Amino acid sequence: MLKDELSAYKLLGNQFVQITDESEIASLEEGLSLLGKFSSVSKHIQTSIDLLSNRTNPDYRNSIKEAISAVESMAKIITGKSSASLDEALTALDRKHNLHAALKKGYLALYGYTSNANGIRHGLLEETNLTQADAKYFLISCTFFVNYLKSKLDN
C-alpha cells in the first residue's frame, strides 16, 4: 500500500524507514534476513535501524556503533574466532579471494574512524556532532559490507 501510494517510507522489519534508494532497501532486507550463525549480524543491523528510526529520540552514535558491530560479528564468523579483528577477517578472505589492497585498506580506515571519532565505539571523548546522515551512511555502508563478505563466504 505504501508503494502504491508513492510513500516516502517503507516498512522494513518492524520499523518505518525513509526510502532513498531501492538498492539500499534491498541490502537492508538481505542483511536483516541473515539466519543461523549470521543471526548476530542481523540483530546488530535491526538495532541500528531501531536507533536511527526513533522519531522522538534518535541515537545516531549508537546506531553507528551497532552498524559497525554487524561488521565485527561477520569478522568473527569468517575467522571462527570470538576475538577476531576486522583485519584478521579481511586477511583470511584475502588468502582465499585475493582482496585488492586498496579495498582492504578502505574498509579498515572506515572501521578505524569508529574507534576514535566522537567516541563512537568507546567512551565519549567530547560532545557528539553526529547527524542522521552519518548514521544512515554507516548503516547502509556496513550492511552492504556484511552482505559482500557473506557473498565471499558463499563462493
C-alpha atoms as a PDB file:
ATOM      1  CA  MET A   1       0.000   0.000   0.000  1.00  0.00           C
ATOM      2  CA  LEU A   2       2.838   2.397   0.846  1.00  0.00           C
ATOM      3  CA  LYS A   3       4.452   1.708  -2.523  1.00  0.00           C
ATOM      4  CA  ASP A   4       1.160   2.141  -4.383  1.00  0.00           C
ATOM      5  CA  GLU A   5       0.684   5.499  -2.672  1.00  0.00           C
ATOM      6  CA  LEU A   6       4.270   6.528  -3.526  1.00  0.00           C
ATOM      7  CA  SER A   7       5.068   6.934   0.145  1.00  0.00           C
ATOM      8  CA  ALA A   8       8.478   8.243   1.141  1.00  0.00           C
ATOM      9  CA  TYR A   9       8.611   5.426   3.716  1.00  0.00           C
ATOM     10  CA  LYS A  10       8.704   1.648   3.689  1.00  0.00           C
ATOM     11  CA  LEU A  11       8.042  -0.908   6.389  1.00  0.00           C
ATOM     12  CA  LEU A  12      11.336  -2.712   6.999  1.00  0.00           C
ATOM     13  CA  GLY A  13      11.240  -5.349   9.692  1.00  0.00           C
ATOM     14  CA  ASN A  14       9.128  -3.663  12.326  1.00  0.00           C
ATOM     15  CA  GLN A  15      10.195  -0.054  11.593  1.00  0.00           C
ATOM     16  CA  PHE A  16       9.222   2.564   9.053  1.00  0.00           C
ATOM     17  CA  VAL A  17      12.310   3.821   7.231  1.00  0.00           C
ATOM     18  CA  GLN A  18      12.700   6.600   4.739  1.00  0.00           C
ATOM     19  CA  ILE A  19      13.227   5.363   1.209  1.00  0.00           C
ATOM     20  CA  THR A  20      16.033   6.919  -0.758  1.00  0.00           C
ATOM     21  CA  ASP A  21      17.132   4.101  -2.985  1.00  0.00           C
ATOM     22  CA  GLU A  22      15.736   0.655  -3.774  1.00  0.00           C
ATOM     23  CA  SER A  23      19.200  -0.934  -3.673  1.00  0.00           C
ATOM     24  CA  GLU A  24      19.657   0.357  -0.114  1.00  0.00           C
ATOM     25  CA  ILE A  25      16.340  -1.179   0.919  1.00  0.00           C
ATOM     26  CA  ALA A  26      17.244  -4.463  -0.802  1.00  0.00           C
ATOM     27  CA  SER A  27      20.580  -4.562   1.012  1.00  0.00           C
ATOM     28  CA  LEU A  28      18.942  -3.881   4.374  1.00  0.00           C
ATOM     29  CA  GLU A  29      16.359  -6.594   3.746  1.00  0.00           C
ATOM     30  CA  GLU A  30      19.141  -9.034   2.839  1.00  0.00           C
ATOM     31  CA  GLY A  31      21.078  -8.124   5.975  1.00  0.00           C
ATOM     32  CA  LEU A  32      18.004  -8.491   8.159  1.00  0.00           C
ATOM     33  CA  SER A  33      17.250 -11.919   6.717  1.00  0.00           C
ATOM     34  CA  LEU A  34      20.578 -13.483   7.731  1.00  0.00           C
ATOM     35  CA  LEU A  35      19.864 -16.514   9.928  1.00  0.00           C
ATOM     36  CA  GLY A  36      21.698 -19.264  11.756  1.00  0.00           C
ATOM     37  CA  LYS A  37      25.294 -18.446  12.516  1.00  0.00           C
ATOM     38  CA  PHE A  38      24.693 -14.993  10.981  1.00  0.00           C
ATOM     39  CA  SER A  39      21.813 -14.044  13.294  1.00  0.00           C
ATOM     40  CA  SER A  40      24.034 -11.786  15.420  1.00  0.00           C
ATOM     41  CA  VAL A  41      24.774  -9.750  12.294  1.00  0.00           C
ATOM     42  CA  SER A  42      21.039  -9.326  11.617  1.00  0.00           C
ATOM     43  CA  LYS A  43      20.408  -8.315  15.226  1.00  0.00           C
ATOM     44  CA  HIS A  44      23.006  -5.547  15.038  1.00  0.00           C
ATOM     45  CA  ILE A  45      21.516  -4.266  11.784  1.00  0.00           C
ATOM     46  CA  GLN A  46      17.996  -4.277  13.279  1.00  0.00           C
ATOM     47  CA  THR A  47      19.186  -2.438  16.390  1.00  0.00           C
ATOM     48  CA  SER A  48      20.953   0.142  14.226  1.00  0.00           C
ATOM     49  CA  ILE A  49      17.715   0.696  12.293  1.00  0.00           C
ATOM     50  CA  ASP A  50      15.729   0.977  15.537  1.00  0.00           C
ATOM     51  CA  LEU A  51      18.090   3.594  16.976  1.00  0.00           C
ATOM     52  CA  LEU A  52      18.158   5.608  13.754  1.00  0.00           C
ATOM     53  CA  SER A  53      14.376   5.407  13.246  1.00  0.00           C
ATOM     54  CA  ASN A  54      13.353   6.545  16.715  1.00  0.00           C
ATOM     55  CA  ARG A  55      11.354   9.692  15.932  1.00  0.00           C
ATOM     56  CA  THR A  56      11.327  11.065  19.475  1.00  0.00           C
ATOM     57  CA  ASN A  57      14.923  10.356  20.430  1.00  0.00           C
ATOM     58  CA  PRO A  58      17.133   9.119  17.571  1.00  0.00           C
ATOM     59  CA  ASP A  59      20.506   7.855  18.782  1.00  0.00           C
ATOM     60  CA  TYR A  60      22.924   8.361  15.903  1.00  0.00           C
ATOM     61  CA  ARG A  61      26.055   7.456  17.851  1.00  0.00           C
ATOM     62  CA  ASN A  62      24.735   4.080  18.976  1.00  0.00           C
ATOM     63  CA  SER A  63      23.158   3.432  15.575  1.00  0.00           C
ATOM     64  CA  ILE A  64      26.647   3.755  14.063  1.00  0.00           C
ATOM     65  CA  LYS A  65      28.060   1.561  16.823  1.00  0.00           C
ATOM     66  CA  GLU A  66      25.512  -1.171  16.082  1.00  0.00           C
ATOM     67  CA  ALA A  67      26.163  -0.956  12.340  1.00  0.00           C
ATOM     68  CA  ILE A  68      29.911  -1.407  12.793  1.00  0.00           C
ATOM     69  CA  SER A  69      29.192  -4.179  15.322  1.00  0.00           C
ATOM     70  CA  ALA A  70      27.466  -6.060  12.500  1.00  0.00           C
ATOM     71  CA  VAL A  71      30.777  -5.931  10.624  1.00  0.00           C
ATOM     72  CA  GLU A  72      32.644  -7.124  13.725  1.00  0.00           C
ATOM     73  CA  SER A  73      30.212 -10.028  14.098  1.00  0.00           C
ATOM     74  CA  MET A  74      30.774 -11.009  10.490  1.00  0.00           C
ATOM     75  CA  ALA A  75      34.551 -10.880  11.052  1.00  0.00           C
ATOM     76  CA  LYS A  76      34.198 -13.332  13.933  1.00  0.00           C
ATOM     77  CA  ILE A  77      32.089 -15.652  11.779  1.00  0.00           C
ATOM     78  CA  ILE A  78      34.578 -15.507   8.887  1.00  0.00           C
ATOM     79  CA  THR A  79      37.549 -16.387  11.086  1.00  0.00           C
ATOM     80  CA  GLY A  80      35.772 -18.657  13.536  1.00  0.00           C
ATOM     81  CA  LYS A  81      37.430 -16.685  16.346  1.00  0.00           C
ATOM     82  CA  SER A  82      35.372 -14.921  19.003  1.00  0.00           C
ATOM     83  CA  SER A  83      38.017 -12.227  19.402  1.00  0.00           C
ATOM     84  CA  ALA A  84      38.868 -11.744  15.709  1.00  0.00           C
ATOM     85  CA  SER A  85      39.514  -8.280  14.383  1.00  0.00           C
ATOM     86  CA  LEU A  86      38.311  -6.975  11.056  1.00  0.00           C
ATOM     87  CA  ASP A  87      41.920  -7.022   9.839  1.00  0.00           C
ATOM     88  CA  GLU A  88      42.171 -10.747  10.626  1.00  0.00           C
ATOM     89  CA  ALA A  89      38.907 -11.448   8.803  1.00  0.00           C
ATOM     90  CA  LEU A  90      39.966  -9.486   5.734  1.00  0.00           C
ATOM     91  CA  THR A  91      43.342 -11.227   5.742  1.00  0.00           C
ATOM     92  CA  ALA A  92      41.574 -14.606   5.830  1.00  0.00           C
ATOM     93  CA  LEU A  93      39.341 -13.556   2.935  1.00  0.00           C
ATOM     94  CA  ASP A  94      42.332 -12.185   1.047  1.00  0.00           C
ATOM     95  CA  ARG A  95      44.054 -15.577   1.208  1.00  0.00           C
ATOM     96  CA  LYS A  96      41.061 -17.218  -0.449  1.00  0.00           C
ATOM     97  CA  HIS A  97      39.685 -14.440  -2.704  1.00  0.00           C
ATOM     98  CA  ASN A  98      42.588 -12.045  -3.336  1.00  0.00           C
ATOM     99  CA  LEU A  99      41.055  -8.827  -1.991  1.00  0.00           C
ATOM    100  CA  HIS A 100      42.543  -5.726  -3.542  1.00  0.00           C
ATOM    101  CA  ALA A 101      44.889  -3.991  -1.088  1.00  0.00           C
ATOM    102  CA  ALA A 102      43.135  -0.625  -1.525  1.00  0.00           C
ATOM    103  CA  LEU A 103      39.749  -2.192  -0.768  1.00  0.00           C
ATOM    104  CA  LYS A 104      41.063  -3.778   2.420  1.00  0.00           C
ATOM    105  CA  LYS A 105      42.726  -0.512   3.442  1.00  0.00           C
ATOM    106  CA  GLY A 106      39.500   1.425   2.813  1.00  0.00           C
ATOM    107  CA  TYR A 107      37.421  -0.878   4.999  1.00  0.00           C
ATOM    108  CA  LEU A 108      39.995  -0.754   7.768  1.00  0.00           C
ATOM    109  CA  ALA A 109      40.073   3.057   7.580  1.00  0.00           C
ATOM    110  CA  LEU A 110      36.285   3.256   7.877  1.00  0.00           C
ATOM    111  CA  TYR A 111      36.412   0.891  10.843  1.00  0.00           C
ATOM    112  CA  GLY A 112      39.216   2.962  12.357  1.00  0.00           C
ATOM    113  CA  TYR A 113      37.043   6.072  12.158  1.00  0.00           C
ATOM    114  CA  THR A 114      34.540   4.491  14.540  1.00  0.00           C
ATOM    115  CA  SER A 115      37.319   3.739  17.008  1.00  0.00           C
ATOM    116  CA  ASN A 116      38.294   7.339  17.571  1.00  0.00           C
ATOM    117  CA  ALA A 117      35.739   9.746  16.069  1.00  0.00           C
ATOM    118  CA  ASN A 118      33.344  11.193  18.638  1.00  0.00           C
ATOM    119  CA  GLY A 119      33.875   8.190  20.885  1.00  0.00           C
ATOM    120  CA  ILE A 120      31.548   6.084  18.739  1.00  0.00           C
ATOM    121  CA  ARG A 121      32.780   2.676  19.872  1.00  0.00           C
ATOM    122  CA  HIS A 122      34.442   3.860  23.079  1.00  0.00           C
ATOM    123  CA  GLY A 123      33.633   6.261  25.901  1.00  0.00           C
ATOM    124  CA  LEU A 124      32.532   9.696  24.762  1.00  0.00           C
ATOM    125  CA  LEU A 125      35.561  11.872  24.220  1.00  0.00           C
ATOM    126  CA  GLU A 126      33.614  15.082  23.614  1.00  0.00           C
ATOM    127  CA  GLU A 127      30.113  16.240  22.783  1.00  0.00           C
ATOM    128  CA  THR A 128      28.982  14.422  19.687  1.00  0.00           C
ATOM    129  CA  ASN A 129      28.031  16.202  16.490  1.00  0.00           C
ATOM    130  CA  LEU A 130      26.882  13.127  14.579  1.00  0.00           C
ATOM    131  CA  THR A 131      23.903  13.582  12.278  1.00  0.00           C
ATOM    132  CA  GLN A 132      21.191  11.448  10.742  1.00  0.00           C
ATOM    133  CA  ALA A 133      23.229  11.447   7.529  1.00  0.00           C
ATOM    134  CA  ASP A 134      26.239   9.997   9.391  1.00  0.00           C
ATOM    135  CA  ALA A 135      24.167   7.241  10.974  1.00  0.00           C
ATOM    136  CA  LYS A 136      22.399   6.395   7.726  1.00  0.00           C
ATOM    137  CA  TYR A 137      25.713   6.253   5.848  1.00  0.00           C
ATOM    138  CA  PHE A 138      27.161   3.781   8.355  1.00  0.00           C
ATOM    139  CA  LEU A 139      24.012   1.675   8.476  1.00  0.00           C
ATOM    140  CA  ILE A 140      23.862   1.359   4.692  1.00  0.00           C
ATOM    141  CA  SER A 141      27.628   1.001   4.189  1.00  0.00           C
ATOM    142  CA  CYS A 142      28.034  -1.605   6.897  1.00  0.00           C
ATOM    143  CA  THR A 143      25.037  -3.573   5.654  1.00  0.00           C
ATOM    144  CA  PHE A 144      26.371  -3.583   2.093  1.00  0.00           C
ATOM    145  CA  PHE A 145      29.734  -4.651   3.501  1.00  0.00           C
ATOM    146  CA  VAL A 146      28.414  -7.589   5.553  1.00  0.00           C
ATOM    147  CA  ASN A 147      26.381  -8.741   2.546  1.00  0.00           C
ATOM    148  CA  TYR A 148      29.537  -8.523   0.420  1.00  0.00           C
ATOM    149  CA  LEU A 149      31.507 -10.529   2.992  1.00  0.00           C
ATOM    150  CA  LYS A 150      28.792 -13.191   3.166  1.00  0.00           C
ATOM    151  CA  SER A 151      28.792 -13.481  -0.622  1.00  0.00           C
ATOM    152  CA  LYS A 152      32.545 -14.145  -0.463  1.00  0.00           C
ATOM    153  CA  LEU A 153      31.928 -16.923   2.056  1.00  0.00           C
ATOM    154  CA  ASP A 154      29.353 -18.461  -0.271  1.00  0.00           C
ATOM    155  CA  ASN A 155      31.887 -18.643  -3.134  1.00  0.00           C
END
